[in-house]
N, C-alpha and C. Protein backbone atom coordinates (compact mmCIF):
# COMPACT_ATOMS: atom_id res chain seq x y z
N MET A 1 17.99 -10.11 15.81
CA MET A 1 18.97 -10.25 14.76
C MET A 1 18.43 -11.16 13.66
N ILE A 2 17.87 -12.31 14.04
CA ILE A 2 17.31 -13.25 13.07
C ILE A 2 16.17 -12.56 12.30
N LYS A 3 15.33 -11.81 13.02
CA LYS A 3 14.21 -11.11 12.39
C LYS A 3 14.72 -10.12 11.36
N SER A 4 15.79 -9.42 11.66
CA SER A 4 16.37 -8.45 10.74
C SER A 4 16.90 -9.15 9.49
N ILE A 5 17.53 -10.28 9.67
CA ILE A 5 18.06 -11.04 8.53
C ILE A 5 16.92 -11.53 7.65
N ILE A 6 15.86 -12.04 8.26
CA ILE A 6 14.71 -12.51 7.49
C ILE A 6 14.08 -11.36 6.73
N ASN A 7 13.91 -10.21 7.38
CA ASN A 7 13.34 -9.05 6.70
C ASN A 7 14.22 -8.60 5.55
N TYR A 8 15.54 -8.64 5.74
CA TYR A 8 16.45 -8.24 4.67
C TYR A 8 16.35 -9.19 3.49
N ILE A 9 16.32 -10.48 3.74
CA ILE A 9 16.19 -11.46 2.66
C ILE A 9 14.87 -11.29 1.93
N ALA A 10 13.79 -11.08 2.70
CA ALA A 10 12.48 -10.86 2.08
C ALA A 10 12.50 -9.60 1.22
N LEU A 11 13.16 -8.56 1.72
CA LEU A 11 13.27 -7.32 0.96
C LEU A 11 13.98 -7.57 -0.36
N LEU A 12 15.05 -8.32 -0.33
CA LEU A 12 15.77 -8.63 -1.55
C LEU A 12 14.90 -9.40 -2.53
N LEU A 13 14.17 -10.37 -2.03
CA LEU A 13 13.32 -11.19 -2.90
C LEU A 13 12.14 -10.42 -3.46
N VAL A 14 11.55 -9.56 -2.64
CA VAL A 14 10.33 -8.87 -3.03
C VAL A 14 10.60 -7.58 -3.79
N VAL A 15 11.62 -6.85 -3.40
CA VAL A 15 11.85 -5.53 -3.97
C VAL A 15 12.90 -5.56 -5.07
N VAL A 16 14.06 -6.02 -4.77
CA VAL A 16 15.18 -5.93 -5.70
C VAL A 16 14.96 -6.82 -6.91
N THR A 17 14.58 -8.04 -6.71
CA THR A 17 14.41 -8.97 -7.82
C THR A 17 13.38 -8.47 -8.83
N PRO A 18 12.15 -8.09 -8.41
CA PRO A 18 11.20 -7.62 -9.40
C PRO A 18 11.66 -6.37 -10.15
N CYS A 19 12.46 -5.53 -9.51
CA CYS A 19 12.93 -4.32 -10.17
C CYS A 19 13.86 -4.64 -11.33
N THR A 20 14.55 -5.78 -11.26
CA THR A 20 15.52 -6.11 -12.28
C THR A 20 14.93 -7.02 -13.36
N LEU A 21 13.75 -7.53 -13.14
CA LEU A 21 13.12 -8.41 -14.10
C LEU A 21 12.24 -7.61 -15.05
N LYS A 22 11.90 -8.22 -16.17
CA LYS A 22 10.97 -7.61 -17.11
C LYS A 22 9.62 -7.42 -16.43
N ALA A 23 8.95 -6.32 -16.73
CA ALA A 23 7.66 -6.03 -16.11
C ALA A 23 6.67 -7.15 -16.39
N GLN A 24 5.89 -7.47 -15.38
CA GLN A 24 4.86 -8.49 -15.52
C GLN A 24 3.66 -7.91 -16.25
N THR A 25 2.91 -8.76 -16.93
CA THR A 25 1.75 -8.29 -17.66
C THR A 25 0.48 -9.04 -17.24
N LYS A 26 0.53 -9.68 -16.11
CA LYS A 26 -0.64 -10.40 -15.61
C LYS A 26 -1.79 -9.41 -15.43
N PRO A 27 -2.97 -9.73 -15.99
CA PRO A 27 -4.10 -8.81 -15.81
C PRO A 27 -4.55 -8.76 -14.36
N VAL A 28 -4.97 -7.57 -13.93
CA VAL A 28 -5.44 -7.37 -12.56
C VAL A 28 -6.96 -7.44 -12.55
N SER A 29 -7.50 -8.16 -11.60
CA SER A 29 -8.95 -8.28 -11.46
C SER A 29 -9.56 -6.90 -11.19
N LYS A 30 -10.73 -6.66 -11.72
CA LYS A 30 -11.43 -5.38 -11.51
C LYS A 30 -12.13 -5.33 -10.16
N THR A 31 -12.27 -6.47 -9.50
CA THR A 31 -12.94 -6.53 -8.20
C THR A 31 -11.99 -6.14 -7.09
N PHE A 32 -12.54 -5.64 -5.99
CA PHE A 32 -11.73 -5.26 -4.85
C PHE A 32 -11.21 -6.53 -4.16
N PRO A 33 -9.93 -6.58 -3.82
CA PRO A 33 -9.37 -7.81 -3.24
C PRO A 33 -9.83 -8.08 -1.81
N VAL A 34 -9.80 -9.34 -1.45
CA VAL A 34 -10.10 -9.76 -0.08
C VAL A 34 -8.76 -10.04 0.59
N PHE A 35 -8.50 -9.33 1.71
CA PHE A 35 -7.25 -9.50 2.42
C PHE A 35 -7.41 -9.05 3.86
N ASN A 36 -6.47 -9.46 4.68
CA ASN A 36 -6.39 -9.04 6.09
C ASN A 36 -5.04 -8.38 6.32
N LEU A 37 -5.07 -7.35 7.16
CA LEU A 37 -3.83 -6.66 7.54
C LEU A 37 -3.72 -6.64 9.05
N ARG A 38 -2.51 -6.81 9.54
CA ARG A 38 -2.22 -6.61 10.96
C ARG A 38 -1.78 -5.17 11.10
N LEU A 39 -2.49 -4.41 11.91
CA LEU A 39 -2.21 -2.99 12.09
C LEU A 39 -1.14 -2.78 13.17
N ALA A 40 -0.68 -1.54 13.30
CA ALA A 40 0.39 -1.21 14.25
C ALA A 40 0.01 -1.55 15.68
N ASP A 41 -1.29 -1.46 16.00
CA ASP A 41 -1.73 -1.79 17.35
C ASP A 41 -2.02 -3.28 17.51
N SER A 42 -1.63 -4.07 16.52
CA SER A 42 -1.80 -5.53 16.46
C SER A 42 -3.24 -5.98 16.20
N SER A 43 -4.16 -5.03 15.97
CA SER A 43 -5.52 -5.42 15.62
C SER A 43 -5.56 -5.87 14.16
N LEU A 44 -6.65 -6.52 13.78
CA LEU A 44 -6.81 -7.05 12.44
C LEU A 44 -7.75 -6.17 11.63
N PHE A 45 -7.33 -5.79 10.45
CA PHE A 45 -8.18 -5.04 9.52
C PHE A 45 -8.54 -5.99 8.39
N LYS A 46 -9.83 -6.06 8.06
CA LYS A 46 -10.30 -6.90 6.96
C LYS A 46 -10.80 -6.00 5.84
N SER A 47 -10.35 -6.28 4.62
CA SER A 47 -10.79 -5.46 3.49
C SER A 47 -12.30 -5.54 3.29
N SER A 48 -12.90 -6.61 3.75
CA SER A 48 -14.35 -6.75 3.63
C SER A 48 -15.11 -5.71 4.46
N SER A 49 -14.41 -5.02 5.37
CA SER A 49 -15.05 -3.98 6.18
C SER A 49 -15.22 -2.67 5.42
N ILE A 50 -14.58 -2.57 4.26
CA ILE A 50 -14.71 -1.36 3.46
C ILE A 50 -16.05 -1.41 2.73
N LYS A 51 -16.81 -0.38 2.92
CA LYS A 51 -18.14 -0.29 2.31
C LYS A 51 -18.09 0.64 1.11
N LYS A 52 -18.98 0.40 0.18
CA LYS A 52 -19.10 1.30 -0.96
C LYS A 52 -19.48 2.68 -0.47
N GLY A 53 -19.08 3.69 -1.22
CA GLY A 53 -19.44 5.05 -0.87
C GLY A 53 -18.28 6.02 -0.87
N GLU A 54 -17.06 5.51 -0.80
CA GLU A 54 -15.91 6.40 -0.89
C GLU A 54 -14.83 5.74 -1.73
N PRO A 55 -14.13 6.54 -2.53
CA PRO A 55 -13.03 5.99 -3.32
C PRO A 55 -11.94 5.44 -2.40
N VAL A 56 -11.26 4.41 -2.87
CA VAL A 56 -10.20 3.75 -2.10
C VAL A 56 -8.94 3.70 -2.94
N VAL A 57 -7.82 4.02 -2.31
CA VAL A 57 -6.51 3.93 -2.95
C VAL A 57 -5.68 2.94 -2.14
N VAL A 58 -5.28 1.85 -2.78
CA VAL A 58 -4.43 0.85 -2.15
C VAL A 58 -3.00 1.10 -2.59
N ILE A 59 -2.10 1.25 -1.63
CA ILE A 59 -0.69 1.48 -1.94
C ILE A 59 0.12 0.36 -1.32
N TYR A 60 0.82 -0.40 -2.16
CA TYR A 60 1.72 -1.43 -1.66
C TYR A 60 3.08 -0.77 -1.57
N PHE A 61 3.69 -0.83 -0.39
CA PHE A 61 4.91 -0.07 -0.16
C PHE A 61 5.81 -0.82 0.82
N SER A 62 6.98 -0.27 1.00
CA SER A 62 7.87 -0.72 2.06
C SER A 62 8.23 0.50 2.90
N PRO A 63 8.10 0.41 4.21
CA PRO A 63 8.43 1.54 5.07
C PRO A 63 9.88 2.01 4.92
N THR A 64 10.75 1.15 4.41
CA THR A 64 12.16 1.50 4.28
C THR A 64 12.53 1.98 2.87
N CYS A 65 11.57 2.00 1.97
CA CYS A 65 11.80 2.40 0.58
C CYS A 65 11.75 3.92 0.45
N GLU A 66 12.82 4.52 -0.06
CA GLU A 66 12.88 5.98 -0.18
C GLU A 66 11.81 6.51 -1.12
N HIS A 67 11.56 5.82 -2.24
CA HIS A 67 10.52 6.25 -3.18
C HIS A 67 9.15 6.25 -2.49
N CYS A 68 8.93 5.23 -1.66
CA CYS A 68 7.67 5.14 -0.93
C CYS A 68 7.53 6.26 0.08
N GLN A 69 8.61 6.57 0.77
CA GLN A 69 8.59 7.63 1.76
C GLN A 69 8.27 8.98 1.11
N VAL A 70 8.88 9.25 -0.03
CA VAL A 70 8.63 10.50 -0.75
C VAL A 70 7.18 10.54 -1.23
N PHE A 71 6.70 9.41 -1.76
CA PHE A 71 5.33 9.34 -2.27
C PHE A 71 4.31 9.58 -1.16
N ILE A 72 4.49 8.92 -0.02
CA ILE A 72 3.57 9.11 1.10
C ILE A 72 3.65 10.55 1.63
N SER A 73 4.85 11.10 1.70
CA SER A 73 5.01 12.50 2.13
C SER A 73 4.24 13.44 1.20
N ASP A 74 4.32 13.19 -0.10
CA ASP A 74 3.59 14.02 -1.06
C ASP A 74 2.08 13.90 -0.86
N ILE A 75 1.61 12.70 -0.62
CA ILE A 75 0.18 12.51 -0.37
C ILE A 75 -0.23 13.29 0.88
N LEU A 76 0.56 13.18 1.93
CA LEU A 76 0.22 13.88 3.18
C LEU A 76 0.22 15.40 2.99
N LYS A 77 1.14 15.91 2.20
CA LYS A 77 1.18 17.35 1.92
C LYS A 77 -0.06 17.80 1.15
N ASN A 78 -0.65 16.88 0.40
CA ASN A 78 -1.82 17.20 -0.42
C ASN A 78 -3.11 16.63 0.15
N MET A 79 -3.09 16.25 1.41
CA MET A 79 -4.23 15.55 2.01
C MET A 79 -5.52 16.37 1.94
N GLN A 80 -5.41 17.68 1.88
CA GLN A 80 -6.61 18.52 1.76
C GLN A 80 -7.40 18.14 0.51
N SER A 81 -6.71 17.69 -0.53
CA SER A 81 -7.36 17.29 -1.78
C SER A 81 -7.90 15.86 -1.73
N PHE A 82 -7.54 15.12 -0.69
CA PHE A 82 -7.91 13.71 -0.60
C PHE A 82 -8.82 13.41 0.58
N LYS A 83 -9.66 14.35 0.94
CA LYS A 83 -10.54 14.16 2.10
C LYS A 83 -11.54 13.03 1.90
N ASN A 84 -11.93 12.78 0.66
CA ASN A 84 -12.97 11.79 0.39
C ASN A 84 -12.42 10.40 0.09
N GLU A 85 -11.12 10.27 -0.08
CA GLU A 85 -10.52 8.98 -0.39
C GLU A 85 -10.03 8.28 0.87
N LYS A 86 -10.14 6.97 0.85
CA LYS A 86 -9.54 6.16 1.91
C LYS A 86 -8.26 5.57 1.33
N PHE A 87 -7.17 5.70 2.08
CA PHE A 87 -5.88 5.15 1.67
C PHE A 87 -5.57 3.93 2.52
N ILE A 88 -5.23 2.83 1.86
CA ILE A 88 -4.84 1.61 2.55
C ILE A 88 -3.40 1.32 2.15
N LEU A 89 -2.50 1.45 3.12
CA LEU A 89 -1.08 1.21 2.89
C LEU A 89 -0.75 -0.20 3.33
N VAL A 90 -0.23 -0.98 2.41
CA VAL A 90 0.03 -2.40 2.66
C VAL A 90 1.52 -2.68 2.48
N THR A 91 2.09 -3.40 3.44
CA THR A 91 3.47 -3.86 3.34
C THR A 91 3.54 -5.32 3.76
N TYR A 92 4.66 -5.94 3.49
CA TYR A 92 4.90 -7.31 3.95
C TYR A 92 5.76 -7.30 5.22
N LEU A 93 6.38 -6.16 5.52
CA LEU A 93 7.25 -6.07 6.68
C LEU A 93 6.42 -6.14 7.97
N GLY A 94 7.07 -6.36 9.07
CA GLY A 94 6.41 -6.62 10.34
C GLY A 94 5.71 -5.43 10.97
N VAL A 95 4.95 -5.72 12.01
CA VAL A 95 4.17 -4.72 12.73
C VAL A 95 5.09 -3.63 13.30
N ASP A 96 6.27 -3.99 13.75
CA ASP A 96 7.19 -2.98 14.29
C ASP A 96 7.54 -1.93 13.24
N GLU A 97 7.78 -2.37 12.01
CA GLU A 97 8.10 -1.43 10.94
C GLU A 97 6.89 -0.57 10.59
N VAL A 98 5.70 -1.17 10.60
CA VAL A 98 4.47 -0.41 10.35
C VAL A 98 4.29 0.64 11.43
N LYS A 99 4.50 0.24 12.67
CA LYS A 99 4.34 1.17 13.80
C LYS A 99 5.32 2.34 13.68
N LYS A 100 6.56 2.05 13.36
CA LYS A 100 7.56 3.11 13.21
C LYS A 100 7.17 4.06 12.07
N PHE A 101 6.76 3.50 10.95
CA PHE A 101 6.34 4.33 9.81
C PHE A 101 5.13 5.18 10.18
N GLU A 102 4.17 4.56 10.83
CA GLU A 102 2.97 5.26 11.27
C GLU A 102 3.33 6.42 12.20
N ASN A 103 4.25 6.19 13.11
CA ASN A 103 4.70 7.25 14.04
C ASN A 103 5.50 8.33 13.32
N ASP A 104 6.44 7.91 12.46
CA ASP A 104 7.28 8.86 11.75
C ASP A 104 6.46 9.83 10.89
N TYR A 105 5.39 9.32 10.30
CA TYR A 105 4.57 10.13 9.39
C TYR A 105 3.25 10.59 10.02
N HIS A 106 3.11 10.35 11.32
CA HIS A 106 1.93 10.82 12.07
C HIS A 106 0.62 10.39 11.41
N LEU A 107 0.59 9.14 10.96
CA LEU A 107 -0.58 8.65 10.24
C LEU A 107 -1.84 8.58 11.09
N LYS A 108 -1.68 8.50 12.40
CA LYS A 108 -2.85 8.48 13.29
C LYS A 108 -3.66 9.77 13.18
N ASN A 109 -3.04 10.84 12.66
CA ASN A 109 -3.73 12.11 12.51
C ASN A 109 -4.70 12.12 11.33
N TYR A 110 -4.67 11.06 10.52
CA TYR A 110 -5.49 11.00 9.32
C TYR A 110 -6.46 9.83 9.44
N LYS A 111 -7.73 10.16 9.56
CA LYS A 111 -8.75 9.13 9.74
C LYS A 111 -8.97 8.30 8.48
N ASN A 112 -8.52 8.81 7.35
CA ASN A 112 -8.74 8.10 6.09
C ASN A 112 -7.52 7.28 5.64
N ILE A 113 -6.57 7.05 6.55
CA ILE A 113 -5.40 6.23 6.22
C ILE A 113 -5.32 5.04 7.15
N ILE A 114 -5.17 3.87 6.55
CA ILE A 114 -4.96 2.62 7.29
C ILE A 114 -3.63 2.06 6.81
N ALA A 115 -2.75 1.72 7.72
CA ALA A 115 -1.46 1.12 7.36
C ALA A 115 -1.32 -0.19 8.10
N GLY A 116 -0.92 -1.23 7.37
CA GLY A 116 -0.77 -2.53 8.00
C GLY A 116 0.09 -3.47 7.18
N THR A 117 0.34 -4.62 7.77
CA THR A 117 1.16 -5.64 7.10
C THR A 117 0.31 -6.85 6.74
N GLU A 118 0.59 -7.37 5.56
CA GLU A 118 -0.03 -8.64 5.18
C GLU A 118 0.90 -9.80 5.54
N GLY A 119 2.08 -9.47 6.05
CA GLY A 119 3.04 -10.51 6.39
C GLY A 119 3.57 -11.16 5.12
N PHE A 120 4.02 -12.38 5.28
CA PHE A 120 4.63 -13.08 4.15
C PHE A 120 3.64 -13.96 3.39
N ASN A 121 2.34 -13.72 3.57
CA ASN A 121 1.39 -14.49 2.76
C ASN A 121 1.23 -13.88 1.37
N PHE A 122 1.57 -12.61 1.20
CA PHE A 122 1.60 -11.92 -0.09
C PHE A 122 0.28 -11.97 -0.86
N THR A 123 -0.83 -11.98 -0.15
CA THR A 123 -2.14 -11.99 -0.80
C THR A 123 -2.32 -10.76 -1.69
N VAL A 124 -2.03 -9.59 -1.14
CA VAL A 124 -2.20 -8.34 -1.89
C VAL A 124 -1.15 -8.24 -2.99
N LYS A 125 0.08 -8.54 -2.65
CA LYS A 125 1.17 -8.49 -3.64
C LYS A 125 0.86 -9.37 -4.83
N ASN A 126 0.39 -10.58 -4.59
CA ASN A 126 0.07 -11.50 -5.67
C ASN A 126 -1.19 -11.09 -6.43
N PHE A 127 -2.16 -10.55 -5.74
CA PHE A 127 -3.40 -10.11 -6.39
C PHE A 127 -3.09 -9.09 -7.48
N TYR A 128 -2.22 -8.14 -7.16
CA TYR A 128 -1.88 -7.07 -8.09
C TYR A 128 -0.65 -7.36 -8.93
N ASP A 129 0.05 -8.44 -8.64
CA ASP A 129 1.31 -8.75 -9.32
C ASP A 129 2.27 -7.57 -9.14
N VAL A 130 2.43 -7.14 -7.88
CA VAL A 130 3.26 -5.99 -7.54
C VAL A 130 4.71 -6.28 -7.87
N GLY A 131 5.34 -5.32 -8.49
CA GLY A 131 6.77 -5.37 -8.76
C GLY A 131 7.44 -4.31 -7.90
N PRO A 132 8.01 -3.29 -8.53
CA PRO A 132 8.67 -2.24 -7.76
C PRO A 132 7.68 -1.45 -6.90
N PHE A 133 8.22 -0.91 -5.81
CA PHE A 133 7.40 -0.10 -4.90
C PHE A 133 7.59 1.38 -5.21
N PRO A 134 6.65 2.23 -4.89
CA PRO A 134 5.31 1.90 -4.45
C PRO A 134 4.41 1.55 -5.63
N PHE A 135 3.46 0.69 -5.38
CA PHE A 135 2.45 0.29 -6.35
C PHE A 135 1.13 0.90 -5.88
N THR A 136 0.33 1.41 -6.79
CA THR A 136 -0.93 2.07 -6.42
C THR A 136 -2.08 1.55 -7.26
N ALA A 137 -3.19 1.23 -6.59
CA ALA A 137 -4.42 0.86 -7.28
C ALA A 137 -5.52 1.77 -6.76
N ALA A 138 -6.26 2.38 -7.68
CA ALA A 138 -7.32 3.31 -7.31
C ALA A 138 -8.68 2.75 -7.69
N TYR A 139 -9.61 2.84 -6.74
CA TYR A 139 -10.97 2.35 -6.91
C TYR A 139 -11.95 3.49 -6.77
N ASP A 140 -13.07 3.39 -7.51
CA ASP A 140 -14.11 4.40 -7.37
C ASP A 140 -14.95 4.11 -6.14
N LYS A 141 -15.99 4.90 -5.91
CA LYS A 141 -16.80 4.77 -4.70
C LYS A 141 -17.62 3.47 -4.68
N ASN A 142 -17.69 2.78 -5.81
CA ASN A 142 -18.37 1.48 -5.86
C ASN A 142 -17.39 0.32 -5.79
N LEU A 143 -16.13 0.65 -5.47
CA LEU A 143 -15.04 -0.32 -5.34
C LEU A 143 -14.73 -1.04 -6.65
N ASN A 144 -14.93 -0.32 -7.76
CA ASN A 144 -14.53 -0.81 -9.07
C ASN A 144 -13.16 -0.23 -9.39
N LEU A 145 -12.27 -1.06 -9.88
CA LEU A 145 -10.92 -0.61 -10.21
C LEU A 145 -10.96 0.45 -11.30
N LYS A 146 -10.35 1.60 -11.02
CA LYS A 146 -10.26 2.67 -12.01
C LYS A 146 -8.94 2.59 -12.76
N THR A 147 -7.85 2.47 -12.01
CA THR A 147 -6.55 2.44 -12.65
C THR A 147 -5.50 1.89 -11.68
N ILE A 148 -4.41 1.44 -12.25
CA ILE A 148 -3.26 1.05 -11.43
C ILE A 148 -2.03 1.81 -11.92
N TYR A 149 -1.13 2.04 -11.00
CA TYR A 149 0.14 2.68 -11.30
C TYR A 149 1.25 1.79 -10.81
N ARG A 150 2.09 1.38 -11.70
CA ARG A 150 3.22 0.54 -11.31
C ARG A 150 4.44 1.39 -10.95
N LYS A 151 4.31 2.68 -11.12
CA LYS A 151 5.29 3.67 -10.66
C LYS A 151 4.48 4.73 -9.93
N PRO A 152 5.10 5.49 -9.05
CA PRO A 152 4.32 6.50 -8.31
C PRO A 152 3.64 7.50 -9.24
N PRO A 153 2.33 7.65 -9.11
CA PRO A 153 1.65 8.66 -9.91
C PRO A 153 1.95 10.06 -9.37
N SER A 154 1.79 11.04 -10.22
CA SER A 154 1.94 12.42 -9.75
C SER A 154 0.73 12.75 -8.88
N MET A 155 0.85 13.80 -8.11
CA MET A 155 -0.28 14.22 -7.28
C MET A 155 -1.44 14.68 -8.16
N ASP A 156 -1.13 15.27 -9.30
CA ASP A 156 -2.20 15.67 -10.22
C ASP A 156 -2.96 14.45 -10.74
N GLN A 157 -2.23 13.36 -11.03
CA GLN A 157 -2.90 12.14 -11.47
C GLN A 157 -3.80 11.60 -10.37
N LEU A 158 -3.29 11.58 -9.15
CA LEU A 158 -4.11 11.09 -8.03
C LEU A 158 -5.32 11.98 -7.79
N LYS A 159 -5.13 13.26 -7.85
CA LYS A 159 -6.23 14.20 -7.61
C LYS A 159 -7.32 14.08 -8.68
N SER A 160 -6.94 13.67 -9.88
CA SER A 160 -7.92 13.59 -10.96
C SER A 160 -8.76 12.33 -10.90
N LEU A 161 -8.45 11.44 -9.98
CA LEU A 161 -9.25 10.21 -9.86
C LEU A 161 -10.55 10.58 -9.25
């Protein structure tokens, strides 16, 4: 019960508040961020383990966000077009929520998708100055930032990266 209340309060602070405020204009670094994620199996994923050679798409999302759910569903429907990209799904919600989302969307079936939580340290959220969800940052195969989307991009926009 306490965990649910904390998650709800965090959701209000992280999701609702930024949606009602004026958009931030903080510049985003062109370098790939350094962060750690706790995965559904409780293992640790380090962004430093990503090697150059494949494009990377970082998506900051909430497993309970309807816009995020639709966006991820669209990506999965178009996964044939995204064989060469690695997707890193980042949330602040707990491992249980990541696990449920991973199970609901059968993410284990996709070798190029990693989903995890950064917890309440907000390293990734602060790096990108994330406001409303889902937030997307796309990197080329050399891990140079190509573009960011503060609203869900269309599948055609993603495919053209």
